[in-house]
Each structure stands twice: as C-alpha cells, then as structure tokens.
Amino acid sequence: MKNFKRHGDINLYPITKEEYEKIQSDIINHNGNFVIQEGETTGHKHLLTVEKTDFLEIKKMPNGLYAFITKENAMLTHEDHKQLTIPKETYYIEVREREVDNFADFTIRQVID
C-alpha cells in the first residue's frame, strides 16, 4: 500500500470510505484526544488530537487496533517522535510495526516501544 503514514512503531494505511463503513464496530467516544497505542515499556503514547470531538470518528477493530476518519486536520504526537499531521477527510487503519529476528529462526514479532 502506498501513501501510508509512519509514526514510530505505528503505521497508518489509507482506506476508502466503503472499507471504513464495512468495519462492524461501535464508534468510540473521546474528548478530542485519543491514545492509539501506549508503549509497553516506556508508557509513552501515540496521541491523536483534534480541535473538536466531532472532527474525529474512531472504531476499534476486532483485532484490537483502530480505524478512524478525520473530518478536519488531526495531530498525532508521541514523546519520542515528530508531530504528524493527519489530513482532513481521510480514513485510516492502524497496523503495528513488525520485525524479523534473523537469529531466532526468522521469528516475526511486533515492535515493542
């Protein structure tokens, strides 16, 4: 997939409105700030922020990750990464970064923050 956005160990892949609407999940309430992921080791957070609560709609997918639409520009921040602007009117799904351990029989595992 092209045009994905990377923010540390989080990758955001664009999806269509139709793909987003097919996700069978309730809309998550938030106050304009929403933690997409929290570091397992450091406790640092990937925080998605919008000016008004109705500028962001979030669904939790069955795999525990998130899909969302930004109705205005949103900001993604983290203590160890540069701020990332998420453009308005875009749909994204979250995919965790994975790594391959070449010394452990090519084991694939999620990156831990």
N, C-alpha and C. Protein backbone atom coordinates (compact mmCIF):
# COMPACT_ATOMS: atom_id res chain seq x y z
N MET A 1 0.85 -1.19 0.00
CA MET A 1 0.00 0.00 0.00
C MET A 1 0.88 1.24 0.00
N LYS A 2 0.51 2.20 -0.79
CA LYS A 2 1.29 3.42 -0.83
C LYS A 2 0.59 4.50 0.01
N ASN A 3 1.30 5.57 0.23
CA ASN A 3 0.80 6.73 0.96
C ASN A 3 0.50 6.45 2.43
N PHE A 4 1.11 5.41 3.01
CA PHE A 4 0.88 5.19 4.42
C PHE A 4 1.71 6.19 5.22
N LYS A 5 1.29 6.41 6.46
CA LYS A 5 1.99 7.32 7.35
C LYS A 5 2.59 6.50 8.48
N ARG A 6 3.85 6.78 8.80
CA ARG A 6 4.54 6.05 9.86
C ARG A 6 4.80 7.00 11.02
N HIS A 7 4.53 6.50 12.22
CA HIS A 7 4.76 7.26 13.43
C HIS A 7 5.35 6.30 14.46
N GLY A 8 6.68 6.18 14.46
CA GLY A 8 7.32 5.21 15.34
C GLY A 8 6.95 3.81 14.90
N ASP A 9 6.39 3.02 15.84
CA ASP A 9 6.02 1.64 15.51
C ASP A 9 4.57 1.51 15.04
N ILE A 10 3.94 2.63 14.75
CA ILE A 10 2.57 2.65 14.25
C ILE A 10 2.59 3.03 12.77
N ASN A 11 1.91 2.26 11.96
CA ASN A 11 1.72 2.59 10.54
C ASN A 11 0.23 2.82 10.31
N LEU A 12 -0.09 3.91 9.62
CA LEU A 12 -1.48 4.23 9.29
C LEU A 12 -1.65 4.09 7.78
N TYR A 13 -2.52 3.17 7.38
CA TYR A 13 -2.76 2.92 5.97
C TYR A 13 -4.10 3.52 5.56
N PRO A 14 -4.12 4.26 4.45
CA PRO A 14 -5.38 4.83 3.99
C PRO A 14 -6.33 3.75 3.48
N ILE A 15 -7.61 3.92 3.79
CA ILE A 15 -8.64 3.04 3.28
C ILE A 15 -9.75 3.91 2.70
N THR A 16 -10.65 3.30 1.97
CA THR A 16 -11.76 4.04 1.38
C THR A 16 -12.89 4.19 2.39
N LYS A 17 -13.79 5.08 2.09
CA LYS A 17 -14.99 5.26 2.92
C LYS A 17 -15.76 3.95 3.02
N GLU A 18 -15.87 3.23 1.91
CA GLU A 18 -16.60 1.97 1.88
C GLU A 18 -15.95 0.93 2.79
N GLU A 19 -14.62 0.85 2.75
CA GLU A 19 -13.91 -0.09 3.63
C GLU A 19 -14.14 0.27 5.09
N TYR A 20 -14.11 1.55 5.39
CA TYR A 20 -14.34 2.02 6.77
C TYR A 20 -15.74 1.65 7.24
N GLU A 21 -16.71 1.89 6.39
CA GLU A 21 -18.11 1.63 6.77
C GLU A 21 -18.39 0.15 6.96
N LYS A 22 -17.60 -0.73 6.34
CA LYS A 22 -17.77 -2.17 6.49
C LYS A 22 -17.29 -2.67 7.85
N ILE A 23 -16.49 -1.90 8.55
CA ILE A 23 -15.97 -2.32 9.86
C ILE A 23 -17.13 -2.34 10.85
N GLN A 24 -17.45 -3.53 11.32
CA GLN A 24 -18.56 -3.71 12.25
C GLN A 24 -18.09 -3.45 13.67
N SER A 25 -18.29 -2.21 14.11
CA SER A 25 -17.83 -1.83 15.44
C SER A 25 -18.56 -0.57 15.88
N ASP A 26 -18.68 -0.39 17.17
CA ASP A 26 -19.26 0.83 17.70
C ASP A 26 -18.27 1.98 17.57
N ILE A 27 -18.79 3.19 17.51
CA ILE A 27 -17.96 4.39 17.50
C ILE A 27 -17.47 4.62 18.92
N ILE A 28 -16.19 4.93 19.07
CA ILE A 28 -15.59 5.16 20.38
C ILE A 28 -15.73 6.63 20.76
N ASN A 29 -16.21 6.88 21.98
CA ASN A 29 -16.29 8.24 22.49
C ASN A 29 -14.90 8.72 22.90
N HIS A 30 -14.66 10.01 22.70
CA HIS A 30 -13.38 10.61 23.09
C HIS A 30 -13.62 12.09 23.38
N ASN A 31 -12.65 12.75 23.95
CA ASN A 31 -12.77 14.17 24.30
C ASN A 31 -11.94 15.07 23.38
N GLY A 32 -11.59 14.58 22.21
CA GLY A 32 -10.72 15.33 21.30
C GLY A 32 -9.29 14.81 21.34
N ASN A 33 -8.99 13.99 22.34
CA ASN A 33 -7.70 13.31 22.47
C ASN A 33 -7.97 11.82 22.56
N PHE A 34 -7.18 11.03 21.82
CA PHE A 34 -7.36 9.59 21.87
C PHE A 34 -6.01 8.90 21.73
N VAL A 35 -5.70 8.02 22.66
CA VAL A 35 -4.45 7.26 22.62
C VAL A 35 -4.64 6.06 21.71
N ILE A 36 -3.92 6.06 20.57
CA ILE A 36 -3.99 4.94 19.64
C ILE A 36 -3.21 3.75 20.18
N GLN A 37 -2.02 4.01 20.70
CA GLN A 37 -1.20 2.96 21.32
C GLN A 37 -0.39 3.56 22.44
N GLU A 38 -0.14 2.75 23.44
CA GLU A 38 0.72 3.15 24.56
C GLU A 38 1.90 2.20 24.60
N GLY A 39 3.09 2.76 24.84
CA GLY A 39 4.30 1.94 24.88
C GLY A 39 4.26 0.91 25.98
N GLU A 40 4.63 -0.31 25.66
CA GLU A 40 4.62 -1.40 26.63
C GLU A 40 5.70 -1.22 27.69
N THR A 41 6.80 -0.57 27.31
CA THR A 41 7.92 -0.42 28.23
C THR A 41 7.97 0.98 28.83
N THR A 42 7.85 2.00 27.98
CA THR A 42 8.05 3.38 28.43
C THR A 42 6.79 4.06 28.92
N GLY A 43 5.62 3.58 28.49
CA GLY A 43 4.38 4.26 28.83
C GLY A 43 4.12 5.47 27.95
N HIS A 44 5.01 5.74 27.00
CA HIS A 44 4.79 6.85 26.07
C HIS A 44 3.58 6.52 25.20
N LYS A 45 2.92 7.57 24.69
CA LYS A 45 1.66 7.38 23.98
C LYS A 45 1.69 7.98 22.58
N HIS A 46 1.02 7.29 21.65
CA HIS A 46 0.72 7.84 20.34
C HIS A 46 -0.66 8.47 20.50
N LEU A 47 -0.70 9.80 20.60
CA LEU A 47 -1.92 10.53 20.93
C LEU A 47 -2.45 11.25 19.71
N LEU A 48 -3.68 10.93 19.32
CA LEU A 48 -4.36 11.58 18.21
C LEU A 48 -5.22 12.69 18.79
N THR A 49 -5.06 13.92 18.26
CA THR A 49 -5.75 15.09 18.81
C THR A 49 -6.45 15.87 17.71
N VAL A 50 -7.68 16.30 18.02
CA VAL A 50 -8.45 17.17 17.13
C VAL A 50 -8.98 18.35 17.95
N GLU A 51 -9.32 19.43 17.24
CA GLU A 51 -9.80 20.64 17.91
C GLU A 51 -11.17 20.44 18.54
N LYS A 52 -12.07 19.73 17.86
CA LYS A 52 -13.42 19.47 18.36
C LYS A 52 -13.70 17.97 18.25
N THR A 53 -14.47 17.44 19.19
CA THR A 53 -14.70 16.00 19.23
C THR A 53 -15.35 15.45 17.96
N ASP A 54 -16.20 16.26 17.31
CA ASP A 54 -16.86 15.73 16.11
C ASP A 54 -15.97 15.76 14.87
N PHE A 55 -14.70 16.18 15.01
CA PHE A 55 -13.75 16.16 13.90
C PHE A 55 -13.08 14.80 13.72
N LEU A 56 -13.36 13.86 14.64
CA LEU A 56 -12.69 12.56 14.61
C LEU A 56 -13.68 11.47 14.98
N GLU A 57 -13.74 10.43 14.15
CA GLU A 57 -14.57 9.27 14.45
C GLU A 57 -13.65 8.06 14.48
N ILE A 58 -13.78 7.25 15.54
CA ILE A 58 -12.87 6.12 15.76
C ILE A 58 -13.68 4.85 15.97
N LYS A 59 -13.20 3.76 15.35
CA LYS A 59 -13.77 2.43 15.58
C LYS A 59 -12.64 1.51 16.04
N LYS A 60 -12.95 0.65 17.01
CA LYS A 60 -11.99 -0.38 17.42
C LYS A 60 -12.29 -1.63 16.62
N MET A 61 -11.29 -2.12 15.92
CA MET A 61 -11.47 -3.30 15.07
C MET A 61 -11.39 -4.58 15.91
N PRO A 62 -11.89 -5.69 15.40
CA PRO A 62 -11.85 -6.95 16.15
C PRO A 62 -10.45 -7.37 16.60
N ASN A 63 -9.40 -6.95 15.87
CA ASN A 63 -8.04 -7.31 16.25
C ASN A 63 -7.45 -6.41 17.34
N GLY A 64 -8.26 -5.45 17.85
CA GLY A 64 -7.81 -4.58 18.93
C GLY A 64 -7.17 -3.29 18.46
N LEU A 65 -6.94 -3.15 17.16
CA LEU A 65 -6.38 -1.93 16.62
C LEU A 65 -7.52 -1.01 16.19
N TYR A 66 -7.19 0.15 15.63
CA TYR A 66 -8.21 1.16 15.36
C TYR A 66 -8.30 1.55 13.89
N ALA A 67 -9.48 2.01 13.53
CA ALA A 67 -9.74 2.66 12.24
C ALA A 67 -10.37 4.00 12.57
N PHE A 68 -10.08 5.01 11.75
CA PHE A 68 -10.68 6.32 12.05
C PHE A 68 -10.79 7.17 10.80
N ILE A 69 -11.65 8.19 10.92
CA ILE A 69 -11.77 9.22 9.89
C ILE A 69 -11.54 10.56 10.55
N THR A 70 -10.80 11.41 9.86
CA THR A 70 -10.59 12.79 10.33
C THR A 70 -11.47 13.70 9.49
N LYS A 71 -12.31 14.47 10.15
CA LYS A 71 -13.19 15.39 9.44
C LYS A 71 -12.56 16.78 9.33
N GLU A 72 -11.52 17.01 10.06
CA GLU A 72 -10.63 18.17 9.95
C GLU A 72 -9.23 17.65 10.24
N ASN A 73 -8.21 18.48 10.04
CA ASN A 73 -6.84 18.02 10.31
C ASN A 73 -6.72 17.55 11.76
N ALA A 74 -5.96 16.49 11.95
CA ALA A 74 -5.67 15.95 13.28
C ALA A 74 -4.16 15.91 13.45
N MET A 75 -3.72 15.85 14.70
CA MET A 75 -2.29 15.76 15.00
C MET A 75 -2.03 14.45 15.75
N LEU A 76 -0.96 13.78 15.37
CA LEU A 76 -0.52 12.58 16.07
C LEU A 76 0.81 12.91 16.73
N THR A 77 0.86 12.79 18.05
CA THR A 77 2.06 13.14 18.80
C THR A 77 2.53 11.95 19.63
N HIS A 78 3.80 12.01 20.02
CA HIS A 78 4.44 10.99 20.85
C HIS A 78 5.69 11.64 21.44
N GLU A 79 6.05 11.25 22.63
CA GLU A 79 7.19 11.85 23.31
C GLU A 79 8.51 11.68 22.55
N ASP A 80 8.65 10.62 21.77
CA ASP A 80 9.92 10.34 21.09
C ASP A 80 9.90 10.56 19.58
N HIS A 81 8.78 11.02 19.01
CA HIS A 81 8.67 11.16 17.57
C HIS A 81 8.19 12.55 17.20
N LYS A 82 8.45 12.95 15.97
CA LYS A 82 7.96 14.23 15.48
C LYS A 82 6.44 14.20 15.38
N GLN A 83 5.85 15.36 15.52
CA GLN A 83 4.41 15.50 15.35
C GLN A 83 4.04 15.20 13.91
N LEU A 84 2.94 14.50 13.70
CA LEU A 84 2.49 14.12 12.37
C LEU A 84 1.10 14.69 12.14
N THR A 85 0.92 15.39 11.03
CA THR A 85 -0.40 15.92 10.67
C THR A 85 -1.16 14.88 9.86
N ILE A 86 -2.38 14.59 10.27
CA ILE A 86 -3.26 13.69 9.55
C ILE A 86 -4.27 14.58 8.82
N PRO A 87 -4.27 14.57 7.49
CA PRO A 87 -5.15 15.48 6.74
C PRO A 87 -6.63 15.17 6.92
N LYS A 88 -7.44 16.21 6.80
CA LYS A 88 -8.88 16.04 6.95
C LYS A 88 -9.46 15.16 5.84
N GLU A 89 -10.60 14.57 6.19
CA GLU A 89 -11.36 13.74 5.26
C GLU A 89 -10.57 12.55 4.73
N THR A 90 -9.80 11.94 5.60
CA THR A 90 -9.09 10.73 5.23
C THR A 90 -9.45 9.62 6.22
N TYR A 91 -9.45 8.40 5.72
CA TYR A 91 -9.75 7.22 6.52
C TYR A 91 -8.47 6.41 6.66
N TYR A 92 -8.21 5.91 7.85
CA TYR A 92 -7.01 5.12 8.09
C TYR A 92 -7.32 3.91 8.95
N ILE A 93 -6.52 2.87 8.74
CA ILE A 93 -6.48 1.75 9.68
C ILE A 93 -5.08 1.70 10.25
N GLU A 94 -4.99 1.27 11.48
CA GLU A 94 -3.71 1.18 12.18
C GLU A 94 -3.14 -0.22 12.01
N VAL A 95 -1.84 -0.29 11.75
CA VAL A 95 -1.14 -1.57 11.66
C VAL A 95 0.13 -1.42 12.48
N ARG A 96 0.36 -2.34 13.42
CA ARG A 96 1.56 -2.29 14.25
C ARG A 96 2.77 -2.71 13.45
N GLU A 97 3.89 -2.07 13.70
CA GLU A 97 5.17 -2.41 13.06
C GLU A 97 5.60 -3.81 13.51
N ARG A 98 6.17 -4.57 12.59
CA ARG A 98 6.70 -5.90 12.91
C ARG A 98 8.17 -5.93 12.55
N GLU A 99 8.88 -6.84 13.20
CA GLU A 99 10.29 -7.02 12.90
C GLU A 99 10.58 -8.51 12.78
N VAL A 100 11.64 -8.83 12.05
CA VAL A 100 12.06 -10.22 11.87
C VAL A 100 13.37 -10.41 12.61
N ASP A 101 13.42 -11.43 13.47
CA ASP A 101 14.64 -11.77 14.20
C ASP A 101 15.37 -12.84 13.40
N ASN A 102 16.42 -12.44 12.70
CA ASN A 102 17.16 -13.37 11.85
C ASN A 102 17.96 -14.39 12.63
N PHE A 103 18.12 -14.17 13.94
CA PHE A 103 18.90 -15.09 14.76
C PHE A 103 18.02 -16.06 15.54
N ALA A 104 16.71 -15.93 15.43
CA ALA A 104 15.79 -16.82 16.14
C ALA A 104 14.84 -17.46 15.13
N ASP A 105 15.42 -18.18 14.18
CA ASP A 105 14.64 -18.87 13.16
C ASP A 105 13.67 -17.95 12.43
N PHE A 106 14.12 -16.72 12.18
CA PHE A 106 13.33 -15.74 11.43
C PHE A 106 11.96 -15.48 12.07
N THR A 107 11.93 -15.44 13.38
CA THR A 107 10.70 -15.17 14.11
C THR A 107 10.21 -13.76 13.80
N ILE A 108 8.91 -13.63 13.52
CA ILE A 108 8.30 -12.32 13.29
C ILE A 108 7.56 -11.93 14.55
N ARG A 109 7.77 -10.70 15.00
CA ARG A 109 7.09 -10.23 16.22
C ARG A 109 6.80 -8.73 16.08
N GLN A 110 5.88 -8.27 16.93
CA GLN A 110 5.57 -6.85 16.93
C GLN A 110 6.68 -6.09 17.61
N VAL A 111 6.92 -4.87 17.13
CA VAL A 111 7.90 -4.00 17.75
C VAL A 111 7.32 -3.51 19.08
N ILE A 112 8.13 -3.52 20.11
CA ILE A 112 7.71 -3.02 21.42
C ILE A 112 8.39 -1.70 21.68
N ASP A 113 7.58 -0.71 21.99
CA ASP A 113 8.05 0.66 22.24
C ASP A 113 8.86 0.75 23.51
